[in-house]
PDB file of N, CA and C in Angstrom:
ATOM      1  N   MET A   1       8.489 -37.187   8.830  1.00  0.00           N
ATOM      2  CA  MET A   1       9.321 -36.608   9.692  1.00  0.00           C
ATOM      3  C   MET A   1       8.845 -35.793  10.498  1.00  0.00           C
ATOM      4  N   LYS A   2       7.610 -35.043  10.004  1.00  0.00           N
ATOM      5  CA  LYS A   2       7.240 -34.395  10.887  1.00  0.00           C
ATOM      6  C   LYS A   2       6.346 -35.036  12.334  1.00  0.00           C
ATOM      7  N   ASP A   3       5.763 -36.211  11.791  1.00  0.00           N
ATOM      8  CA  ASP A   3       5.147 -36.926  12.525  1.00  0.00           C
ATOM      9  C   ASP A   3       6.003 -37.655  13.854  1.00  0.00           C
ATOM     10  N   GLN A   4       6.931 -38.187  12.999  1.00  0.00           N
ATOM     11  CA  GLN A   4       7.624 -38.957  13.845  1.00  0.00           C
ATOM     12  C   GLN A   4       8.366 -37.969  15.037  1.00  0.00           C
ATOM     13  N   PHE A   5       8.767 -36.518  14.746  1.00  0.00           N
ATOM     14  CA  PHE A   5       9.135 -35.727  15.935  1.00  0.00           C
ATOM     15  C   PHE A   5       8.049 -35.301  16.816  1.00  0.00           C
ATOM     16  N   LEU A   6       6.690 -34.964  15.978  1.00  0.00           N
ATOM     17  CA  LEU A   6       5.680 -34.876  17.211  1.00  0.00           C
ATOM     18  C   LEU A   6       5.269 -36.047  18.276  1.00  0.00           C
ATOM     19  N   SER A   7       5.263 -37.236  17.713  1.00  0.00           N
ATOM     20  CA  SER A   7       5.314 -38.484  18.587  1.00  0.00           C
ATOM     21  C   SER A   7       6.030 -38.314  19.534  1.00  0.00           C
ATOM     22  N   SER A   8       7.447 -38.142  19.162  1.00  0.00           N
ATOM     23  CA  SER A   8       8.376 -38.207  20.276  1.00  0.00           C
ATOM     24  C   SER A   8       8.731 -36.813  21.420  1.00  0.00           C
ATOM     25  N   VAL A   9       7.938 -35.764  20.609  1.00  0.00           N
ATOM     26  CA  VAL A   9       7.848 -34.949  21.812  1.00  0.00           C
ATOM     27  C   VAL A   9       6.460 -35.013  22.937  1.00  0.00           C
ATOM     28  N   HIS A  10       5.380 -35.876  22.194  1.00  0.00           N
ATOM     29  CA  HIS A  10       4.108 -36.154  22.834  1.00  0.00           C
ATOM     30  C   HIS A  10       4.902 -37.250  24.155  1.00  0.00           C
ATOM     31  N   THR A  11       5.752 -38.155  23.718  1.00  0.00           N
ATOM     32  CA  THR A  11       6.345 -38.962  24.261  1.00  0.00           C
ATOM     33  C   THR A  11       7.150 -38.506  25.736  1.00  0.00           C
ATOM     34  N   ILE A  12       7.822 -37.368  25.347  1.00  0.00           N
ATOM     35  CA  ILE A  12       8.512 -36.994  26.523  1.00  0.00           C
ATOM     36  C   ILE A  12       7.768 -36.161  27.350  1.00  0.00           C
ATOM     37  N   ILE A  13       6.486 -35.614  26.428  1.00  0.00           N
ATOM     38  CA  ILE A  13       5.763 -34.550  27.401  1.00  0.00           C
ATOM     39  C   ILE A  13       4.938 -35.330  28.740  1.00  0.00           C
ATOM     40  N   ARG A  14       4.335 -36.448  28.189  1.00  0.00           N
ATOM     41  CA  ARG A  14       3.864 -37.577  28.989  1.00  0.00           C
ATOM     42  C   ARG A  14       4.286 -37.875  30.463  1.00  0.00           C
ATOM     43  N   ASP A  15       5.835 -37.622  30.444  1.00  0.00           N
ATOM     44  CA  ASP A  15       6.727 -37.669  31.656  1.00  0.00           C
ATOM     45  C   ASP A  15       7.068 -36.555  32.333  1.00  0.00           C
ATOM     46  N   ARG A  16       6.200 -36.188  33.605  1.00  0.00           N
ATOM     47  CA  ARG A  16       6.346 -34.880  34.263  1.00  0.00           C
ATOM     48  C   ARG A  16       7.769 -34.595  34.540  1.00  0.00           C
ATOM     49  N   GLN A  17       8.294 -35.714  35.301  1.00  0.00           N
ATOM     50  CA  GLN A  17      10.061 -35.580  35.567  1.00  0.00           C
ATOM     51  C   GLN A  17      10.947 -35.486  34.715  1.00  0.00           C
ATOM     52  N   LEU A  18      10.568 -35.999  33.640  1.00  0.00           N
ATOM     53  CA  LEU A  18      11.564 -36.156  32.594  1.00  0.00           C
ATOM     54  C   LEU A  18      11.685 -34.500  31.872  1.00  0.00           C
ATOM     55  N   VAL A  19      10.600 -34.070  31.565  1.00  0.00           N
ATOM     56  CA  VAL A  19       9.971 -32.688  31.031  1.00  0.00           C
ATOM     57  C   VAL A  19      10.782 -31.799  32.007  1.00  0.00           C
ATOM     58  N   THR A  20      10.513 -31.727  33.356  1.00  0.00           N
ATOM     59  CA  THR A  20      11.188 -31.038  34.220  1.00  0.00           C
ATOM     60  C   THR A  20      12.737 -30.861  33.963  1.00  0.00           C
ATOM     61  N   LEU A  21      13.521 -32.065  34.079  1.00  0.00           N
ATOM     62  CA  LEU A  21      14.753 -31.879  34.111  1.00  0.00           C
ATOM     63  C   LEU A  21      15.251 -31.750  32.840  1.00  0.00           C
ATOM     64  N   LEU A  22      14.507 -31.851  31.756  1.00  0.00           N
ATOM     65  CA  LEU A  22      15.281 -31.754  30.278  1.00  0.00           C
ATOM     66  C   LEU A  22      14.823 -29.902  30.402  1.00  0.00           C
ATOM     67  N   GLY A  23      13.716 -29.463  30.752  1.00  0.00           N
ATOM     68  CA  GLY A  23      13.487 -28.366  30.754  1.00  0.00           C
ATOM     69  C   GLY A  23      14.742 -27.214  31.551  1.00  0.00           C
ATOM     70  N   THR A  24      14.896 -27.712  32.904  1.00  0.00           N
ATOM     71  CA  THR A  24      16.077 -27.138  33.609  1.00  0.00           C
ATOM     72  C   THR A  24      17.124 -27.319  33.007  1.00  0.00           C
ATOM     73  N   PHE A  25      17.659 -28.477  32.673  1.00  0.00           N
ATOM     74  CA  PHE A  25      19.347 -28.410  31.564  1.00  0.00           C
ATOM     75  C   PHE A  25      18.817 -27.585  30.750  1.00  0.00           C
ATOM     76  N   LEU A  26      17.920 -27.680  29.823  1.00  0.00           N
ATOM     77  CA  LEU A  26      18.203 -26.618  28.447  1.00  0.00           C
ATOM     78  C   LEU A  26      17.997 -24.965  28.886  1.00  0.00           C
ATOM     79  N   PHE A  27      17.363 -24.666  30.283  1.00  0.00           N
ATOM     80  CA  PHE A  27      17.602 -23.156  30.892  1.00  0.00           C
ATOM     81  C   PHE A  27      18.750 -22.879  31.171  1.00  0.00           C
ATOM     82  N   LEU A  28      19.546 -23.864  32.037  1.00  0.00           N
ATOM     83  CA  LEU A  28      20.679 -23.608  32.355  1.00  0.00           C
ATOM     84  C   LEU A  28      21.649 -23.758  31.311  1.00  0.00           C
ATOM     85  N   CYS A  29      21.676 -24.522  30.435  1.00  0.00           N
ATOM     86  CA  CYS A  29      22.592 -24.559  29.142  1.00  0.00           C
ATOM     87  C   CYS A  29      21.947 -23.010  28.642  1.00  0.00           C
ATOM     88  N   LEU A  30      21.009 -22.371  28.478  1.00  0.00           N
ATOM     89  CA  LEU A  30      21.012 -21.081  27.818  1.00  0.00           C
ATOM     90  C   LEU A  30      21.736 -20.015  28.605  1.00  0.00           C
ATOM     91  N   ALA A  31      21.557 -20.077  29.956  1.00  0.00           N
ATOM     92  CA  ALA A  31      22.264 -19.202  30.974  1.00  0.00           C
ATOM     93  C   ALA A  31      23.877 -19.427  30.724  1.00  0.00           C
ATOM     94  N   LEU A  32      24.467 -20.589  30.726  1.00  0.00           N
ATOM     95  CA  LEU A  32      25.757 -20.435  29.978  1.00  0.00           C
ATOM     96  C   LEU A  32      26.062 -20.022  29.007  1.00  0.00           C
ATOM     97  N   LEU A  33      25.088 -19.933  27.706  1.00  0.00           N
ATOM     98  CA  LEU A  33      25.423 -19.610  26.553  1.00  0.00           C
ATOM     99  C   LEU A  33      25.484 -17.859  26.634  1.00  0.00           C
ATOM    100  N   ILE A  34      24.742 -17.530  27.751  1.00  0.00           N
ATOM    101  CA  ILE A  34      24.750 -16.098  27.702  1.00  0.00           C
ATOM    102  C   ILE A  34      25.863 -15.704  28.569  1.00  0.00           C
ATOM    103  N   TYR A  35      25.959 -16.279  29.451  1.00  0.00           N
ATOM    104  CA  TYR A  35      27.493 -15.764  30.241  1.00  0.00           C
ATOM    105  C   TYR A  35      28.641 -16.152  29.116  1.00  0.00           C
ATOM    106  N   ILE A  36      28.728 -16.736  28.177  1.00  0.00           N
ATOM    107  CA  ILE A  36      29.685 -16.648  27.202  1.00  0.00           C
ATOM    108  C   ILE A  36      29.813 -15.783  26.247  1.00  0.00           C
ATOM    109  N   GLY A  37      28.810 -15.540  25.885  1.00  0.00           N
ATOM    110  CA  GLY A  37      28.100 -14.584  25.281  1.00  0.00           C
ATOM    111  C   GLY A  37      28.847 -13.178  25.474  1.00  0.00           C
ATOM    112  N   VAL A  38      28.289 -13.040  26.809  1.00  0.00           N
ATOM    113  CA  VAL A  38      28.490 -11.706  27.323  1.00  0.00           C
ATOM    114  C   VAL A  38      30.384 -11.247  27.917  1.00  0.00           C
ATOM    115  N   SER A  39      30.948 -12.299  28.139  1.00  0.00           N
ATOM    116  CA  SER A  39      32.461 -12.908  28.516  1.00  0.00           C
ATOM    117  C   SER A  39      33.035 -12.645  27.371  1.00  0.00           C
ATOM    118  N   LEU A  40      32.925 -13.039  26.274  1.00  0.00           N
ATOM    119  CA  LEU A  40      33.887 -12.735  25.096  1.00  0.00           C
ATOM    120  C   LEU A  40      33.759 -11.304  24.550  1.00  0.00           C
ATOM    121  N   HIS A  41      35.279 -11.253  24.319  1.00  0.00           N
ATOM    122  CA  HIS A  41      35.453  -9.632  23.870  1.00  0.00           C
ATOM    123  C   HIS A  41      36.492  -9.486  22.483  1.00  0.00           C
ATOM    124  N   PRO A  42      36.103  -9.343  21.536  1.00  0.00           N
ATOM    125  CA  PRO A  42      36.883  -8.974  20.449  1.00  0.00           C
ATOM    126  C   PRO A  42      38.099  -8.215  20.731  1.00  0.00           C
ATOM    127  N   SER A  43      38.966  -8.916  20.167  1.00  0.00           N
ATOM    128  CA  SER A  43      40.545  -8.198  20.432  1.00  0.00           C
ATOM    129  C   SER A  43      41.455  -8.598  19.518  1.00  0.00           C
ATOM    130  N   GLU A  44      42.527  -8.047  19.229  1.00  0.00           N
ATOM    131  CA  GLU A  44      43.714  -8.125  18.152  1.00  0.00           C
ATOM    132  C   GLU A  44      44.547  -8.747  18.792  1.00  0.00           C
ATOM    133  N   LEU A  45      44.702  -8.880  20.118  1.00  0.00           N
ATOM    134  CA  LEU A  45      45.597  -9.543  20.908  1.00  0.00           C
ATOM    135  C   LEU A  45      45.087 -10.949  20.824  1.00  0.00           C
ATOM    136  N   GLN A  46      46.272 -12.223  20.905  1.00  0.00           N
ATOM    137  CA  GLN A  46      45.943 -13.653  21.098  1.00  0.00           C
ATOM    138  C   GLN A  46      45.426 -13.682  22.821  1.00  0.00           C
ATOM    139  N   VAL A  47      44.441 -14.677  22.994  1.00  0.00           N
ATOM    140  CA  VAL A  47      44.268 -14.734  24.233  1.00  0.00           C
ATOM    141  C   VAL A  47      44.742 -16.067  24.441  1.00  0.00           C
ATOM    142  N   VAL A  48      44.691 -16.702  25.633  1.00  0.00           N
ATOM    143  CA  VAL A  48      44.936 -17.979  26.653  1.00  0.00           C
ATOM    144  C   VAL A  48      43.545 -18.752  26.035  1.00  0.00           C
ATOM    145  N   VAL A  49      43.866 -19.630  25.522  1.00  0.00           N
ATOM    146  CA  VAL A  49      42.583 -20.583  25.423  1.00  0.00           C
ATOM    147  C   VAL A  49      43.073 -21.984  26.031  1.00  0.00           C
ATOM    148  N   HIS A  50      44.176 -22.313  26.028  1.00  0.00           N
ATOM    149  CA  HIS A  50      44.282 -23.840  26.656  1.00  0.00           C
ATOM    150  C   HIS A  50      45.451 -23.885  27.771  1.00  0.00           C
ATOM    151  N   HIS A  51      45.193 -24.146  28.947  1.00  0.00           N
ATOM    152  CA  HIS A  51      46.211 -24.456  29.941  1.00  0.00           C
ATOM    153  C   HIS A  51      46.558 -25.759  30.350  1.00  0.00           C
ATOM    154  N   THR A  52      47.673 -26.269  30.086  1.00  0.00           N
ATOM    155  CA  THR A  52      48.110 -27.662  30.715  1.00  0.00           C
ATOM    156  C   THR A  52      49.452 -27.513  31.408  1.00  0.00           C
ATOM    157  N   SER A  53      49.633 -28.488  32.341  1.00  0.00           N
ATOM    158  CA  SER A  53      51.102 -28.568  32.817  1.00  0.00           C
ATOM    159  C   SER A  53      52.054 -29.357  32.295  1.00  0.00           C
ATOM    160  N   TYR A  54      51.443 -29.985  31.203  1.00  0.00           N
ATOM    161  CA  TYR A  54      52.076 -31.117  30.613  1.00  0.00           C
ATOM    162  C   TYR A  54      53.106 -30.918  29.510  1.00  0.00           C
ATOM    163  N   GLY A  55      52.514 -29.727  28.728  1.00  0.00           N
ATOM    164  CA  GLY A  55      53.031 -29.887  27.588  1.00  0.00           C
ATOM    165  C   GLY A  55      54.524 -28.258  27.636  1.00  0.00           C
ATOM    166  N   PRO A  56      55.034 -28.106  26.587  1.00  0.00           N
ATOM    167  CA  PRO A  56      56.489 -26.998  26.571  1.00  0.00           C
ATOM    168  C   PRO A  56      56.199 -25.822  27.522  1.00  0.00           C
ATOM    169  N   THR A  57      55.084 -25.198  26.901  1.00  0.00           N
ATOM    170  CA  THR A  57      54.267 -24.139  27.735  1.00  0.00           C
ATOM    171  C   THR A  57      53.242 -24.393  28.557  1.00  0.00           C
ATOM    172  N   ASN A  58      52.908 -23.552  29.470  1.00  0.00           N
ATOM    173  CA  ASN A  58      51.619 -23.972  30.444  1.00  0.00           C
ATOM    174  C   ASN A  58      50.630 -23.243  29.658  1.00  0.00           C
ATOM    175  N   PHE A  59      50.668 -21.954  29.077  1.00  0.00           N
ATOM    176  CA  PHE A  59      49.613 -21.372  28.299  1.00  0.00           C
ATOM    177  C   PHE A  59      49.501 -21.371  26.708  1.00  0.00           C
ATOM    178  N   TYR A  60      48.682 -21.821  26.159  1.00  0.00           N
ATOM    179  CA  TYR A  60      48.468 -21.679  24.841  1.00  0.00           C
ATOM    180  C   TYR A  60      47.352 -20.615  24.090  1.00  0.00           C
ATOM    181  N   ARG A  61      48.203 -20.029  23.652  1.00  0.00           N
ATOM    182  CA  ARG A  61      47.261 -18.452  23.029  1.00  0.00           C
ATOM    183  C   ARG A  61      46.534 -19.205  21.295  1.00  0.00           C
ATOM    184  N   ASP A  62      45.679 -18.322  20.995  1.00  0.00           N
ATOM    185  CA  ASP A  62      44.888 -18.385  20.141  1.00  0.00           C
ATOM    186  C   ASP A  62      44.259 -16.968  19.639  1.00  0.00           C
ATOM    187  N   LYS A  63      43.546 -16.881  18.829  1.00  0.00           N
ATOM    188  CA  LYS A  63      42.484 -15.603  18.450  1.00  0.00           C
ATOM    189  C   LYS A  63      41.607 -15.778  19.102  1.00  0.00           C
ATOM    190  N   TRP A  64      40.771 -14.613  19.816  1.00  0.00           N
ATOM    191  CA  TRP A  64      39.607 -14.509  20.574  1.00  0.00           C
ATOM    192  C   TRP A  64      38.747 -15.399  20.040  1.00  0.00           C
ATOM    193  N   TYR A  65      38.151 -15.410  18.627  1.00  0.00           N
ATOM    194  CA  TYR A  65      37.166 -16.273  18.133  1.00  0.00           C
ATOM    195  C   TYR A  65      37.119 -17.835  18.623  1.00  0.00           C
ATOM    196  N   TYR A  66      38.371 -18.229  18.825  1.00  0.00           N
ATOM    197  CA  TYR A  66      38.336 -19.642  19.236  1.00  0.00           C
ATOM    198  C   TYR A  66      37.438 -19.921  20.742  1.00  0.00           C
ATOM    199  N   LEU A  67      37.337 -18.852  21.354  1.00  0.00           N
ATOM    200  CA  LEU A  67      36.809 -18.951  22.456  1.00  0.00           C
ATOM    201  C   LEU A  67      34.954 -19.418  22.261  1.00  0.00           C
ATOM    202  N   VAL A  68      34.381 -18.664  20.984  1.00  0.00           N
ATOM    203  CA  VAL A  68      33.301 -19.234  20.578  1.00  0.00           C
ATOM    204  C   VAL A  68      33.097 -20.655  20.270  1.00  0.00           C
ATOM    205  N   SER A  69      33.845 -21.509  20.266  1.00  0.00           N
ATOM    206  CA  SER A  69      33.868 -23.178  20.212  1.00  0.00           C
ATOM    207  C   SER A  69      33.048 -23.481  21.465  1.00  0.00           C
ATOM    208  N   PHE A  70      33.673 -23.064  23.059  1.00  0.00           N
ATOM    209  CA  PHE A  70      32.695 -23.104  24.093  1.00  0.00           C
ATOM    210  C   PHE A  70      31.110 -23.161  23.761  1.00  0.00           C
ATOM    211  N   GLY A  71      30.479 -22.060  23.157  1.00  0.00           N
ATOM    212  CA  GLY A  71      29.318 -21.804  22.950  1.00  0.00           C
ATOM    213  C   GLY A  71      28.753 -22.975  21.803  1.00  0.00           C
ATOM    214  N   VAL A  72      29.333 -23.429  20.942  1.00  0.00           N
ATOM    215  CA  VAL A  72      28.949 -24.557  20.232  1.00  0.00           C
ATOM    216  C   VAL A  72      29.089 -25.463  20.915  1.00  0.00           C
ATOM    217  N   PHE A  73      29.914 -25.805  21.638  1.00  0.00           N
ATOM    218  CA  PHE A  73      29.893 -27.067  22.578  1.00  0.00           C
ATOM    219  C   PHE A  73      28.592 -27.225  23.302  1.00  0.00           C
ATOM    220  N   VAL A  74      28.211 -26.370  23.935  1.00  0.00           N
ATOM    221  CA  VAL A  74      26.957 -26.041  24.588  1.00  0.00           C
ATOM    222  C   VAL A  74      25.654 -26.315  24.156  1.00  0.00           C
ATOM    223  N   VAL A  75      25.991 -25.665  22.794  1.00  0.00           N
ATOM    224  CA  VAL A  75      24.566 -26.084  22.034  1.00  0.00           C
ATOM    225  C   VAL A  75      24.370 -27.466  21.658  1.00  0.00           C
ATOM    226  N   MET A  76      25.746 -28.017  20.871  1.00  0.00           N
ATOM    227  CA  MET A  76      25.684 -29.488  20.424  1.00  0.00           C
ATOM    228  C   MET A  76      25.385 -30.286  21.935  1.00  0.00           C
ATOM    229  N   MET A  77      26.015 -30.083  23.353  1.00  0.00           N
ATOM    230  CA  MET A  77      25.640 -31.025  24.447  1.00  0.00           C
ATOM    231  C   MET A  77      24.148 -30.698  24.574  1.00  0.00           C
ATOM    232  N   ALA A  78      23.552 -29.549  24.293  1.00  0.00           N
ATOM    233  CA  ALA A  78      22.055 -29.590  24.828  1.00  0.00           C
ATOM    234  C   ALA A  78      21.182 -30.575  23.598  1.00  0.00           C
ATOM    235  N   ILE A  79      21.626 -30.361  22.326  1.00  0.00           N
ATOM    236  CA  ILE A  79      20.773 -31.069  21.323  1.00  0.00           C
ATOM    237  C   ILE A  79      21.077 -32.676  21.382  1.00  0.00           C
ATOM    238  N   THR A  80      22.091 -32.991  21.515  1.00  0.00           N
ATOM    239  CA  THR A  80      22.510 -34.317  21.821  1.00  0.00           C
ATOM    240  C   THR A  80      21.826 -34.901  23.121  1.00  0.00           C
ATOM    241  N   GLN A  81      21.996 -34.230  24.257  1.00  0.00           N
ATOM    242  CA  GLN A  81      21.282 -34.778  25.632  1.00  0.00           C
ATOM    243  C   GLN A  81      19.926 -35.004  25.173  1.00  0.00           C
ATOM    244  N   CYS A  82      19.006 -34.131  24.605  1.00  0.00           N
ATOM    245  CA  CYS A  82      17.723 -34.096  24.352  1.00  0.00           C
ATOM    246  C   CYS A  82      17.366 -35.419  23.494  1.00  0.00           C
ATOM    247  N   ILE A  83      18.095 -35.379  22.464  1.00  0.00           N
ATOM    248  CA  ILE A  83      17.983 -36.610  21.869  1.00  0.00           C
ATOM    249  C   ILE A  83      18.278 -37.964  22.222  1.00  0.00           C
ATOM    250  N   LEU A  84      19.333 -37.970  22.863  1.00  0.00           N
ATOM    251  CA  LEU A  84      19.939 -39.725  23.607  1.00  0.00           C
ATOM    252  C   LEU A  84      18.914 -39.649  24.832  1.00  0.00           C
ATOM    253  N   ALA A  85      18.565 -38.547  25.362  1.00  0.00           N
ATOM    254  CA  ALA A  85      17.457 -38.931  26.680  1.00  0.00           C
ATOM    255  C   ALA A  85      16.201 -39.529  25.868  1.00  0.00           C
ATOM    256  N   TYR A  86      15.628 -38.913  24.814  1.00  0.00           N
ATOM    257  CA  TYR A  86      14.429 -39.457  24.282  1.00  0.00           C
ATOM    258  C   TYR A  86      14.714 -41.186  23.736  1.00  0.00           C
ATOM    259  N   ARG A  87      16.087 -41.209  23.011  1.00  0.00           N
ATOM    260  CA  ARG A  87      16.149 -42.892  22.624  1.00  0.00           C
ATOM    261  C   ARG A  87      16.358 -43.813  24.075  1.00  0.00           C
ATOM    262  N   ILE A  88      16.928 -43.020  25.014  1.00  0.00           N
ATOM    263  CA  ILE A  88      17.159 -43.941  26.369  1.00  0.00           C
ATOM    264  C   ILE A  88      15.768 -44.313  26.906  1.00  0.00           C
ATOM    265  N   LEU A  89      14.776 -43.325  26.697  1.00  0.00           N
ATOM    266  CA  LEU A  89      13.638 -43.233  27.297  1.00  0.00           C
ATOM    267  C   LEU A  89      12.550 -44.546  26.579  1.00  0.00           C
ATOM    268  N   GLN A  90      12.900 -44.737  25.119  1.00  0.00           N
ATOM    269  CA  GLN A  90      12.435 -45.393  24.274  1.00  0.00           C
ATOM    270  C   GLN A  90      12.873 -47.012  24.397  1.00  0.00           C
ATOM    271  N   THR A  91      14.165 -46.986  24.726  1.00  0.00           N
ATOM    272  CA  THR A  91      14.752 -48.381  25.110  1.00  0.00           C
ATOM    273  C   THR A  91      14.922 -48.712  26.204  1.00  0.00           C
ATOM    274  N   LYS A  92      15.536 -48.176  27.107  1.00  0.00           N
ATOM    275  CA  LYS A  92      15.760 -48.515  28.338  1.00  0.00           C
ATOM    276  C   LYS A  92      14.676 -48.131  29.263  1.00  0.00           C
ATOM    277  N   GLY A  93      13.935 -47.103  29.495  1.00  0.00           N
ATOM    278  CA  GLY A  93      12.954 -46.622  30.471  1.00  0.00           C
ATOM    279  C   GLY A  93      13.075 -45.581  30.824  1.00  0.00           C
ATOM    280  N   HIS A  94      12.510 -45.264  31.906  1.00  0.00           N
ATOM    281  CA  HIS A  94      12.233 -43.847  32.279  1.00  0.00           C
ATOM    282  C   HIS A  94      13.427 -43.761  33.460  1.00  0.00           C
ATOM    283  N   ALA A  95      13.973 -44.826  34.169  1.00  0.00           N
ATOM    284  CA  ALA A  95      14.845 -44.470  35.213  1.00  0.00           C
ATOM    285  C   ALA A  95      16.391 -44.328  34.527  1.00  0.00           C
ATOM    286  N   PHE A  96      16.990 -45.017  33.509  1.00  0.00           N
ATOM    287  CA  PHE A  96      18.084 -44.874  32.840  1.00  0.00           C
ATOM    288  C   PHE A  96      17.991 -43.403  32.163  1.00  0.00           C
ATOM    289  N   ALA A  97      16.623 -42.914  31.780  1.00  0.00           N
ATOM    290  CA  ALA A  97      16.962 -41.611  30.713  1.00  0.00           C
ATOM    291  C   ALA A  97      16.721 -40.272  31.876  1.00  0.00           C
ATOM    292  N   VAL A  98      16.190 -40.822  33.288  1.00  0.00           N
ATOM    293  CA  VAL A  98      16.489 -39.673  34.020  1.00  0.00           C
ATOM    294  C   VAL A  98      18.168 -39.685  34.378  1.00  0.00           C
ATOM    295  N   ALA A  99      18.583 -40.976  34.910  1.00  0.00           N
ATOM    296  CA  ALA A  99      19.880 -40.894  35.149  1.00  0.00           C
ATOM    297  C   ALA A  99      21.073 -40.029  34.198  1.00  0.00           C
ATOM    298  N   TYR A 100      20.547 -40.554  32.827  1.00  0.00           N
ATOM    299  CA  TYR A 100      21.234 -39.750  31.771  1.00  0.00           C
ATOM    300  C   TYR A 100      21.037 -38.401  31.705  1.00  0.00           C
ATOM    301  N   ILE A 101      19.949 -37.759  31.973  1.00  0.00           N
ATOM    302  CA  ILE A 101      19.730 -36.389  32.222  1.00  0.00           C
ATOM    303  C   ILE A 101      20.588 -35.534  33.384  1.00  0.00           C
ATOM    304  N   TRP A 102      20.733 -36.633  34.650  1.00  0.00           N
ATOM    305  CA  TRP A 102      21.649 -35.976  35.852  1.00  0.00           C
ATOM    306  C   TRP A 102      22.995 -36.110  35.207  1.00  0.00           C
ATOM    307  N   LEU A 103      23.411 -36.965  34.680  1.00  0.00           N
ATOM    308  CA  LEU A 103      24.848 -37.174  33.997  1.00  0.00           C
ATOM    309  C   LEU A 103      25.423 -35.912  33.139  1.00  0.00           C
ATOM    310  N   GLY A 104      24.064 -35.353  32.308  1.00  0.00           N
ATOM    311  CA  GLY A 104      24.419 -34.229  31.631  1.00  0.00           C
ATOM    312  C   GLY A 104      24.333 -32.631  32.568  1.00  0.00           C
ATOM    313  N   TYR A 105      23.636 -32.797  33.928  1.00  0.00           N
ATOM    314  CA  TYR A 105      24.086 -31.774  34.574  1.00  0.00           C
ATOM    315  C   TYR A 105      25.417 -31.943  35.241  1.00  0.00           C
ATOM    316  N   ILE A 106      25.980 -32.938  35.467  1.00  0.00           N
ATOM    317  CA  ILE A 106      27.503 -32.974  35.845  1.00  0.00           C
ATOM    318  C   ILE A 106      28.203 -32.265  34.815  1.00  0.00           C
ATOM    319  N   LEU A 107      28.171 -32.996  33.659  1.00  0.00           N
ATOM    320  CA  LEU A 107      29.224 -32.441  32.400  1.00  0.00           C
ATOM    321  C   LEU A 107      28.942 -30.697  32.417  1.00  0.00           C
ATOM    322  N   LEU A 108      27.599 -30.466  32.506  1.00  0.00           N
ATOM    323  CA  LEU A 108      27.254 -29.092  32.402  1.00  0.00           C
ATOM    324  C   LEU A 108      27.901 -28.262  33.615  1.00  0.00           C
ATOM    325  N   VAL A 109      28.196 -28.957  34.557  1.00  0.00           N
ATOM    326  CA  VAL A 109      28.453 -28.025  35.757  1.00  0.00           C
ATOM    327  C   VAL A 109      30.062 -28.276  35.692  1.00  0.00           C
ATOM    328  N   VAL A 110      30.722 -29.283  35.267  1.00  0.00           N
ATOM    329  CA  VAL A 110      31.962 -29.324  35.136  1.00  0.00           C
ATOM    330  C   VAL A 110      32.508 -28.554  33.896  1.00  0.00           C
ATOM    331  N   SER A 111      31.529 -28.342  32.894  1.00  0.00           N
ATOM    332  CA  SER A 111      32.102 -27.317  31.743  1.00  0.00           C
ATOM    333  C   SER A 111      32.105 -25.923  32.065  1.00  0.00           C
ATOM    334  N   SER A 112      31.109 -25.822  33.014  1.00  0.00           N
ATOM    335  CA  SER A 112      30.850 -24.386  33.193  1.00  0.00           C
ATOM    336  C   SER A 112      31.742 -23.935  34.124  1.00  0.00           C
ATOM    337  N   VAL A 113      32.632 -24.938  35.057  1.00  0.00           N
ATOM    338  CA  VAL A 113      33.806 -24.323  35.834  1.00  0.00           C
ATOM    339  C   VAL A 113      34.954 -24.387  34.895  1.00  0.00           C
ATOM    340  N   LEU A 114      34.866 -25.266  33.796  1.00  0.00           N
ATOM    341  CA  LEU A 114      36.322 -25.293  32.903  1.00  0.00           C
ATOM    342  C   LEU A 114      36.358 -24.037  32.071  1.00  0.00           C
ATOM    343  N   PHE A 115      34.828 -23.349  31.497  1.00  0.00           N
ATOM    344  CA  PHE A 115      35.119 -22.192  30.789  1.00  0.00           C
ATOM    345  C   PHE A 115      35.218 -20.922  31.585  1.00  0.00           C
ATOM    346  N   TYR A 116      34.469 -21.155  32.842  1.00  0.00           N
ATOM    347  CA  TYR A 116      34.839 -19.888  33.458  1.00  0.00           C
ATOM    348  C   TYR A 116      36.317 -19.649  34.074  1.00  0.00           C
ATOM    349  N   GLN A 117      37.106 -20.301  34.177  1.00  0.00           N
ATOM    350  CA  GLN A 117      38.575 -20.437  34.603  1.00  0.00           C
ATOM    351  C   GLN A 117      39.263 -19.806  33.326  1.00  0.00           C
ATOM    352  N   VAL A 118      38.929 -20.599  32.191  1.00  0.00           N
ATOM    353  CA  VAL A 118      39.574 -20.232  30.629  1.00  0.00           C
ATOM    354  C   VAL A 118      39.436 -18.637  30.297  1.00  0.00           C
ATOM    355  N   LEU A 119      37.883 -18.500  30.600  1.00  0.00           N
ATOM    356  CA  LEU A 119      37.778 -17.055  30.226  1.00  0.00           C
ATOM    357  C   LEU A 119      38.257 -16.074  31.233  1.00  0.00           C
ATOM    358  N   ASN A 120      38.364 -16.301  32.286  1.00  0.00           N
ATOM    359  CA  ASN A 120      39.339 -15.628  33.301  1.00  0.00           C
ATOM    360  C   ASN A 120      40.534 -15.417  33.159  1.00  0.00           C
ATOM    361  N   ILE A 121      41.370 -16.465  32.394  1.00  0.00           N
ATOM    362  CA  ILE A 121      42.402 -16.139  32.097  1.00  0.00           C
ATOM    363  C   ILE A 121      42.737 -15.504  30.567  1.00  0.00           C
ATOM    364  N   ALA A 122      41.921 -15.704  29.694  1.00  0.00           N
ATOM    365  CA  ALA A 122      41.610 -14.866  28.841  1.00  0.00           C
ATOM    366  C   ALA A 122      41.360 -13.358  29.082  1.00  0.00           C
ATOM    367  N   SER A 123      40.789 -13.178  29.715  1.00  0.00           N
ATOM    368  CA  SER A 123      40.268 -11.780  30.087  1.00  0.00           C
ATOM    369  C   SER A 123      41.893 -11.480  30.388  1.00  0.00           C
ATOM    370  N   LEU A 124      42.732 -11.761  30.996  1.00  0.00           N
ATOM    371  CA  LEU A 124      43.769 -11.181  31.768  1.00  0.00           C
ATOM    372  C   LEU A 124      44.853 -10.991  30.793  1.00  0.00           C
ATOM    373  N   SER A 125      44.669 -11.320  29.364  1.00  0.00           N
ATOM    374  CA  SER A 125      45.782 -11.253  28.369  1.00  0.00           C
ATOM    375  C   SER A 125      45.237  -9.713  27.550  1.00  0.00           C
TER     376      SER A 125
END
């Protein structure tokens, strides 16, 4: 298991562009985690965690620790992005792996905007 992990790390390290993209992606994930951690405030009040225009109410409320799941999502996204980028590099090649990492950047931006808006609404309550 250890040898397989080390060989996969060596495979990724040989590709500078992939290392740069993954490193930047992981750094941005860490920055988003820090933002989420700083923005969360424990409270006895229920905070707005979900907004939709399709339901009977527009704002759905839950306990403050529901917002921790945003951080869990970022961690899971970072882990799966790295693993799948390696697997795509092995099977499909460099171009597809780079394209997949750029797709991860788009997902990170969309989730950052979503988290920012939800945390803004949650801080109002």
